[in-house]
Structure formats: structure tokens, C-alpha cells
Protein backbone atom coordinates (compact mmCIF):
# COMPACT_ATOMS: atom_id res chain seq x y z
CA MET A 1 85.54 81.51 86.23
CA THR A 2 89.28 81.81 85.68
CA PHE A 3 90.41 84.76 83.65
CA GLN A 4 93.10 84.31 81.03
CA LEU A 5 95.16 87.15 79.60
CA ALA A 6 93.77 87.94 76.16
CA ASN A 7 97.16 88.56 74.59
CA ASN A 8 100.85 88.70 75.37
CA ASP A 9 100.94 92.46 75.96
CA SER A 10 100.51 92.73 79.71
CA ASN A 11 100.48 96.56 79.61
CA ASP A 12 97.44 96.56 77.32
CA GLU A 13 95.76 93.98 79.54
CA LYS A 14 96.59 95.97 82.67
CA GLN A 15 95.06 99.08 81.13
CA ARG A 16 91.97 97.13 80.04
CA ILE A 17 91.41 95.88 83.59
CA ILE A 18 91.96 99.37 85.01
CA ASN A 19 89.43 100.74 82.50
CA LEU A 20 86.91 98.08 83.55
CA LEU A 21 87.43 98.90 87.23
CA SER A 22 87.21 102.63 86.55
CA GLY A 23 83.98 102.26 84.60
CA PHE A 24 82.51 100.07 87.34
CA LEU A 25 83.61 102.53 90.03
CA ASN A 26 82.14 105.54 88.21
CA GLN A 27 78.63 104.10 87.87
CA ARG A 28 75.85 105.99 89.57
CA PRO A 29 75.00 104.25 92.82
CA GLY A 30 71.24 104.42 92.41
CA LEU A 31 70.33 105.40 95.95
CA GLU A 32 66.58 105.37 96.44
CA TRP A 33 65.01 107.76 98.91
CA ALA A 34 62.25 105.25 99.54
CA ASN A 35 64.79 102.95 101.19
CA TYR A 36 65.54 105.59 103.84
CA GLY A 37 62.70 107.86 104.83
CA ASP A 38 65.13 110.00 106.82
CA THR A 39 67.44 112.66 105.40
CA TYR A 40 70.15 111.98 107.97
CA TYR A 41 70.66 108.32 106.98
CA TYR A 42 70.31 109.03 103.27
CA ARG A 43 73.03 111.69 103.42
CA GLN A 44 75.20 109.50 105.62
CA ASP A 45 75.18 106.77 102.95
CA ALA A 46 75.65 109.33 100.17
CA ARG A 47 78.77 110.69 101.91
CA LYS A 48 80.19 107.20 102.38
CA ILE A 49 79.53 106.32 98.74
CA THR A 50 81.25 109.51 97.54
CA GLN A 51 84.20 108.83 99.82
CA GLN A 52 84.51 105.33 98.33
CA LEU A 53 84.47 106.87 94.83
CA ASN A 54 87.30 109.26 95.71
CA ASP A 55 89.30 106.52 97.46
CA GLY A 56 88.83 104.17 94.52
CA ARG A 57 89.99 106.76 92.02
CA GLU A 58 93.12 107.47 94.04
CA LEU A 59 93.93 103.78 94.49
CA LEU A 60 93.39 103.07 90.80
CA ARG A 61 95.68 105.95 89.81
CA ALA A 62 98.37 104.56 92.11
CA ILE A 63 98.13 101.18 90.42
CA GLU A 64 98.07 102.67 86.95
CA TRP A 65 101.30 104.63 87.26
CA ARG A 66 103.29 101.88 88.96
CA ASP A 67 104.80 100.00 86.03
CA SER A 68 105.90 97.11 88.22
CA ILE A 69 102.24 96.25 88.96
CA THR A 70 101.14 93.96 86.15
CA ALA A 71 97.87 92.61 84.83
CA ASP A 72 98.59 89.35 86.65
CA ASP A 73 98.93 91.30 89.91
CA LEU A 74 95.55 92.92 89.27
CA ILE A 75 93.96 89.55 88.53
CA GLN A 76 95.26 88.23 91.87
CA GLY A 77 93.64 91.18 93.64
CA PHE A 78 90.15 90.02 92.71
CA SER A 79 90.23 87.54 95.59
CA ALA A 80 89.59 90.51 97.91
CA TYR A 81 86.11 91.45 99.18
CA SER A 82 85.19 87.76 99.44
CA GLY A 83 85.69 87.45 95.69
CA ARG A 84 82.33 89.11 95.04
CA LEU A 85 83.82 91.30 92.32
CA GLU A 86 85.05 88.99 89.59
CA LEU A 87 86.89 89.52 86.35
CA SER A 88 85.49 87.33 83.60
CA ASP A 89 86.14 87.08 79.89
CA SER A 90 83.13 89.33 79.30
CA GLY A 91 84.06 92.02 81.87
CA LEU A 92 83.33 92.51 85.55
CA GLU A 93 80.67 90.65 87.48
CA TYR A 94 79.52 91.57 90.96
CA CYS A 95 77.50 89.57 93.47
CA THR A 96 75.60 91.96 95.73
CA GLY A 97 75.73 91.27 99.45
CA GLN A 98 73.25 93.56 101.23
CA TYR A 99 72.75 96.85 99.38
CA TRP A 100 74.38 97.58 96.00
CA PRO A 101 74.77 101.37 96.36
CA THR A 102 76.86 101.16 99.53
CA GLU A 103 79.10 98.26 98.56
CA PHE A 104 79.99 98.12 94.86
CA ARG A 105 82.62 100.87 95.14
CA ALA A 106 83.99 99.30 98.30
CA ALA A 107 84.63 96.15 96.27
CA VAL A 108 86.79 98.10 93.81
CA CYS A 109 88.67 99.73 96.69
CA ALA A 110 89.27 96.35 98.31
CA VAL A 111 90.65 94.88 95.07
CA CYS A 112 92.95 97.87 94.61
CA ALA A 113 94.09 97.77 98.23
CA SER A 114 94.87 94.06 97.90
CA VAL A 115 97.03 94.73 94.84
CA LEU A 116 98.79 97.62 96.55
CA TRP A 117 99.29 95.61 99.76
CA ALA A 118 101.16 93.01 97.72
CA TYR A 119 103.16 95.79 96.05
CA PHE A 120 104.09 97.42 99.39
CA ARG A 121 104.98 94.01 100.88
CA GLU A 122 108.16 93.86 98.77
CA GLY A 123 111.09 94.55 101.09
CA ARG A 124 108.95 95.03 104.20
CA ASP A 125 108.88 92.68 107.15
CA SER A 126 105.53 93.27 108.81
CA GLY A 127 101.97 94.40 108.34
CA ASP A 128 102.79 97.53 110.34
CA ASP A 129 105.49 98.41 107.81
CA ILE A 130 103.02 97.91 104.96
CA ARG A 131 100.40 100.06 106.69
CA LYS A 132 103.03 102.77 107.22
CA ALA A 133 103.88 102.68 103.50
CA ALA A 134 100.18 102.97 102.67
CA ARG A 135 99.79 105.89 105.09
CA ASP A 136 102.85 107.60 103.59
CA ASN A 137 101.44 107.18 100.06
CA PHE A 138 97.73 107.83 100.62
CA GLY A 139 97.27 109.45 104.01
CA ALA A 140 95.81 108.15 107.24
CA GLY A 141 92.19 108.04 106.04
CA ILE A 142 92.69 105.68 103.12
CA GLN A 143 95.16 103.65 105.15
CA ARG A 144 92.59 103.16 107.95
CA ARG A 145 89.74 102.35 105.57
CA TRP A 146 91.51 99.94 103.19
CA PHE A 147 94.83 98.74 104.62
CA ASN A 148 93.88 97.16 107.95
């Protein structure tokens, strides 16, 4: 489904999309112990999920305070993560791949990273330059996880 801007005020629309992404990101993952049976693997997934939450929050903040990133830029970012996270007229829709708890936050991070990649591309000649800008803004960890 193609999303149309609800009104002419792009700043309001940008904030609405950010609020949708933030609400989606902040959902409880719903890990079920019965799917693991081993503390090591359960905690490993729990750590990864928490890391995705923290990364997503940081990436969303970066988008929010950059005035030159518009609602249209955010809408373009939804092509990331195989388009499984979609913006529709009724909100966000997500098509689960393998296991919801370990991937829904990654989808938000991928959308945000796609938007920021396009933002960092302005005035840069190569992917290496864009990755360096991401590393300078977010640190090596987020750069390695979301900007490669």
C-alpha cells in the first residue's frame, strides 16, 4: 500500500511517523522461555533485543533532530529490511520472517539506517565516506551493525 501524506505540514507528519516507529520499537518483545530451554541462548537473544532497542532509540533521535530529514525521506526508508515493516494509512504493519522478538526492532533500525544513509550521502563520494560519517556520529558499534 502506498502511503500519502495526511496534510501539508511535513513536520507534523514526520513527528507522527517517528512516534509510530518509537511506539513499535518500545513494544515488549514477548520472548518465551519455552522456545529456548537453555538460559545461555535465552539471554543471548535478550541481550541482542535490548541492543536493538538502544540502537533504534539513538537512530530515531538522530532523525528527529535533523530538520533537513523530512517525512518523505522517512517514507522512502521503509523499503529497507525487505520492506517487511510498512507504513500504511492505519499505522505500521510488520510481516514476521522467522521469530518476532528478535527481528521487529531490527526492522526499525534498518529503516532508520536507510534514512540516515541517504542523509549522510549528501556531499560524500563513496560508501566508505558514508560509513565514516555514521561511525563519527554513532560510534563503531552502530556503524558496524546498521551501516554496512
